[in-house]
C-alpha atoms as a PDB file:
ATOM      1  CA  MET A   1       6.008 -35.223 -17.263  1.00  0.00           C
ATOM      2  CA  ILE A   2       3.227 -35.256 -15.130  1.00  0.00           C
ATOM      3  CA  MET A   3       5.614 -36.312 -12.084  1.00  0.00           C
ATOM      4  CA  GLU A   4       7.752 -32.584 -13.282  1.00  0.00           C
ATOM      5  CA  GLU A   5       4.413 -30.325 -13.583  1.00  0.00           C
ATOM      6  CA  ARG A   6       3.159 -31.225  -9.940  1.00  0.00           C
ATOM      7  CA  ASP A   7       7.282 -30.640  -8.720  1.00  0.00           C
ATOM      8  CA  GLU A   8       6.295 -27.046 -10.469  1.00  0.00           C
ATOM      9  CA  VAL A   9       3.338 -26.308  -8.722  1.00  0.00           C
ATOM     10  CA  LEU A  10       4.269 -28.177  -4.828  1.00  0.00           C
ATOM     11  CA  LYS A  11       7.510 -25.449  -5.121  1.00  0.00           C
ATOM     12  CA  ALA A  12       5.556 -22.441  -6.671  1.00  0.00           C
ATOM     13  CA  ALA A  13       3.098 -23.307  -3.749  1.00  0.00           C
ATOM     14  CA  GLU A  14       5.843 -23.157  -0.798  1.00  0.00           C
ATOM     15  CA  GLU A  15       7.317 -20.114  -2.260  1.00  0.00           C
ATOM     16  CA  ALA A  16       4.046 -18.102  -1.916  1.00  0.00           C
ATOM     17  CA  GLU A  17       3.492 -19.220   1.194  1.00  0.00           C
ATOM     18  CA  THR A  18       7.233 -18.092   2.043  1.00  0.00           C
ATOM     19  CA  GLU A  19       6.094 -14.904   1.417  1.00  0.00           C
ATOM     20  CA  ILE A  20       2.930 -14.886   2.816  1.00  0.00           C
ATOM     21  CA  GLU A  21       4.927 -15.218   5.669  1.00  0.00           C
ATOM     22  CA  ALA A  22       7.345 -12.536   5.153  1.00  0.00           C
ATOM     23  CA  VAL A  23       4.699 -10.500   4.333  1.00  0.00           C
ATOM     24  CA  GLU A  24       2.993 -11.663   7.765  1.00  0.00           C
ATOM     25  CA  ALA A  25       6.230 -11.419   9.905  1.00  0.00           C
ATOM     26  CA  GLU A  26       5.938  -7.375   8.655  1.00  0.00           C
ATOM     27  CA  GLU A  27       3.403  -6.383  10.117  1.00  0.00           C
ATOM     28  CA  HIS A  28       3.223  -3.945  12.132  1.00  0.00           C
ATOM     29  CA  GLU A  29       3.163  -4.085  15.998  1.00  0.00           C
ATOM     30  CA  ASP A  30      -0.351  -2.892  16.744  1.00  0.00           C
ATOM     31  CA  GLY A  31      -1.867  -5.625  14.010  1.00  0.00           C
ATOM     32  CA  GLU A  32      -1.659  -3.846  10.640  1.00  0.00           C
ATOM     33  CA  ALA A  33      -0.227  -4.069   7.210  1.00  0.00           C
ATOM     34  CA  PRO A  34       2.261  -2.281   6.514  1.00  0.00           C
ATOM     35  CA  GLU A  35       2.014   0.820   3.973  1.00  0.00           C
ATOM     36  CA  SER A  36       2.557  -0.192   0.393  1.00  0.00           C
ATOM     37  CA  GLU A  37       1.216   1.777  -2.978  1.00  0.00           C
ATOM     38  CA  MET A  38      -1.612   0.195  -5.258  1.00  0.00           C
ATOM     39  CA  SER A  39      -1.257  -0.183  -8.594  1.00  0.00           C
ATOM     40  CA  VAL A  40      -3.628   1.729 -11.024  1.00  0.00           C
ATOM     41  CA  VAL A  41      -4.757  -1.969 -12.547  1.00  0.00           C
ATOM     42  CA  ASP A  42      -5.113  -2.992  -8.770  1.00  0.00           C
ATOM     43  CA  TRP A  43      -7.491  -0.105  -8.410  1.00  0.00           C
ATOM     44  CA  LEU A  44      -9.185  -1.158 -11.862  1.00  0.00           C
ATOM     45  CA  TRP A  45     -10.105  -4.535 -10.960  1.00  0.00           C
ATOM     46  CA  ARG A  46     -11.531  -3.475  -7.697  1.00  0.00           C
ATOM     47  CA  LEU A  47     -13.827  -0.631  -9.732  1.00  0.00           C
ATOM     48  CA  CYS A  48     -14.796  -3.569 -12.449  1.00  0.00           C
ATOM     49  CA  ILE A  49     -15.991  -6.048 -10.120  1.00  0.00           C
ATOM     50  CA  PRO A  50     -19.775  -4.280  -9.882  1.00  0.00           C
ATOM     51  CA  MET A  51     -19.530  -5.305 -13.635  1.00  0.00           C
ATOM     52  CA  ILE A  52     -19.867  -8.686 -13.952  1.00  0.00           C
ATOM     53  CA  PRO A  53     -23.156 -10.487 -14.650  1.00  0.00           C
ATOM     54  CA  CYS A  54     -26.055 -10.632 -12.426  1.00  0.00           C
ATOM     55  CA  ALA A  55     -23.808 -11.505  -9.323  1.00  0.00           C
ATOM     56  CA  GLY A  56     -21.020  -8.258  -9.545  1.00  0.00           C
ATOM     57  CA  ILE A  57     -22.740  -6.545  -6.893  1.00  0.00           C
ATOM     58  CA  VAL A  58     -23.256  -9.020  -4.543  1.00  0.00           C
ATOM     59  CA  ILE A  59     -19.550 -10.240  -5.042  1.00  0.00           C
ATOM     60  CA  TYR A  60     -18.299  -6.599  -4.381  1.00  0.00           C
ATOM     61  CA  ILE A  61     -20.626  -6.098  -1.584  1.00  0.00           C
ATOM     62  CA  VAL A  62     -18.333  -9.031   0.048  1.00  0.00           C
ATOM     63  CA  LEU A  63     -15.216  -8.147  -0.931  1.00  0.00           C
ATOM     64  CA  LEU A  64     -15.844  -4.334   0.402  1.00  0.00           C
ATOM     65  CA  CYS A  65     -16.664  -6.755   4.048  1.00  0.00           C
ATOM     66  CA  MET A  66     -13.226  -8.342   3.684  1.00  0.00           C
ATOM     67  CA  TRP A  67     -11.594  -5.378   3.193  1.00  0.00           C
ATOM     68  CA  ALA A  68     -13.453  -2.597   5.279  1.00  0.00           C
ATOM     69  CA  PHE A  69     -12.877  -4.829   8.403  1.00  0.00           C
ATOM     70  CA  GLY A  70      -9.987  -7.470   7.667  1.00  0.00           C
ATOM     71  CA  LYS A  71      -7.234  -7.117   9.196  1.00  0.00           C
ATOM     72  CA  LYS A  72      -4.531  -7.453   6.985  1.00  0.00           C
ATOM     73  CA  GLN A  73      -5.727  -4.597   4.994  1.00  0.00           C
ATOM     74  CA  THR A  74      -3.563  -1.103   4.920  1.00  0.00           C
ATOM     75  CA  PRO A  75      -5.824   1.791   6.951  1.00  0.00           C
ATOM     76  CA  ALA A  76      -6.496   3.367   3.324  1.00  0.00           C
ATOM     77  CA  MET A  77      -7.636   0.508   2.026  1.00  0.00           C
ATOM     78  CA  ARG A  78     -10.055  -0.263   4.520  1.00  0.00           C
ATOM     79  CA  VAL A  79     -11.285   3.602   4.741  1.00  0.00           C
ATOM     80  CA  TRP A  80     -11.557   3.720   0.972  1.00  0.00           C
ATOM     81  CA  ALA A  81     -14.067   0.201   1.583  1.00  0.00           C
ATOM     82  CA  LYS A  82     -15.904   1.518   4.366  1.00  0.00           C
ATOM     83  CA  ALA A  83     -16.451   4.367   2.027  1.00  0.00           C
ATOM     84  CA  ALA A  84     -17.617   2.077  -0.919  1.00  0.00           C
ATOM     85  CA  LEU A  85     -19.531   0.068   0.990  1.00  0.00           C
ATOM     86  CA  ILE A  86     -21.528   3.255   2.556  1.00  0.00           C
ATOM     87  CA  ALA A  87     -21.633   4.598  -1.398  1.00  0.00           C
ATOM     88  CA  THR A  88     -23.219   1.376  -2.403  1.00  0.00           C
ATOM     89  CA  LEU A  89     -25.697   0.505   0.148  1.00  0.00           C
ATOM     90  CA  ILE A  90     -27.002   4.347  -0.305  1.00  0.00           C
ATOM     91  CA  LYS A  91     -27.444   4.139  -4.556  1.00  0.00           C
ATOM     92  CA  ILE A  92     -29.355  -0.300  -3.683  1.00  0.00           C
ATOM     93  CA  ALA A  93     -31.592   2.572  -1.767  1.00  0.00           C
ATOM     94  CA  PHE A  94     -32.106   4.569  -3.997  1.00  0.00           C
ATOM     95  CA  VAL A  95     -32.968   2.366  -7.678  1.00  0.00           C
ATOM     96  CA  GLY A  96     -35.164   0.120  -5.157  1.00  0.00           C
ATOM     97  CA  ILE A  97     -37.123   3.356  -4.683  1.00  0.00           C
ATOM     98  CA  ILE A  98     -36.834   4.590  -7.830  1.00  0.00           C
ATOM     99  CA  PHE A  99     -37.676   0.765  -8.917  1.00  0.00           C
ATOM    100  CA  LEU A 100     -41.032   0.831  -6.758  1.00  0.00           C
ATOM    101  CA  VAL A 101     -42.312   4.021  -7.622  1.00  0.00           C
ATOM    102  CA  ILE A 102     -41.807   3.834 -11.376  1.00  0.00           C
ATOM    103  CA  GLN A 103     -42.631   0.032 -12.489  1.00  0.00           C
ATOM    104  CA  LEU A 104     -45.057  -0.431  -8.628  1.00  0.00           C
ATOM    105  CA  ASN A 105     -46.580   2.481  -9.097  1.00  0.00           C
ATOM    106  CA  VAL A 106     -46.426   3.439  -5.192  1.00  0.00           C
ATOM    107  CA  ASP A 107     -46.512   6.420  -3.612  1.00  0.00           C
ATOM    108  CA  VAL A 108     -42.927   6.934  -1.379  1.00  0.00           C
ATOM    109  CA  ILE A 109     -44.040  10.168  -0.292  1.00  0.00           C
ATOM    110  CA  GLY A 110     -47.511   9.116   1.075  1.00  0.00           C
ATOM    111  CA  PHE A 111     -46.330   5.709   2.516  1.00  0.00           C
ATOM    112  CA  VAL A 112     -43.785   7.485   4.196  1.00  0.00           C
ATOM    113  CA  GLY A 113     -45.824  10.661   5.560  1.00  0.00           C
ATOM    114  CA  THR A 114     -47.482   8.097   6.843  1.00  0.00           C
ATOM    115  CA  PHE A 115     -45.546   5.855   8.161  1.00  0.00           C
ATOM    116  CA  LEU A 116     -44.261   8.872  10.243  1.00  0.00           C
ATOM    117  CA  LYS A 117     -47.259   9.854  11.179  1.00  0.00           C
ATOM    118  CA  LYS A 118     -48.012   6.067  12.777  1.00  0.00           C
ATOM    119  CA  ILE A 119     -44.110   6.626  14.813  1.00  0.00           C
ATOM    120  CA  PHE A 120     -44.541  10.477  16.125  1.00  0.00           C
END
């Protein structure tokens, strides 16, 4: 029984490897992956990753970096990932500023003014 399951798993792994090789063979000469449509489910799981408690946003940022700068993604996916990465970093900075103002009672405007006076 266990041997049969092992053989099935090995066969499935070989088929998956064959499929990966076929996809890699389809890559264009310039190294970009071929254009393919993404389903609604593909988009949904990408958009739901940040909702994972505790580590979701960290995982999301790592994946966005992989999608934005990886060669195996379509050009449209890379552009979306770069835009989402920039938007996510802006959101994190905005939430951080709000946290400083509300929780720590930091005078952000005075801090920025002092910082700019020292620079200029």
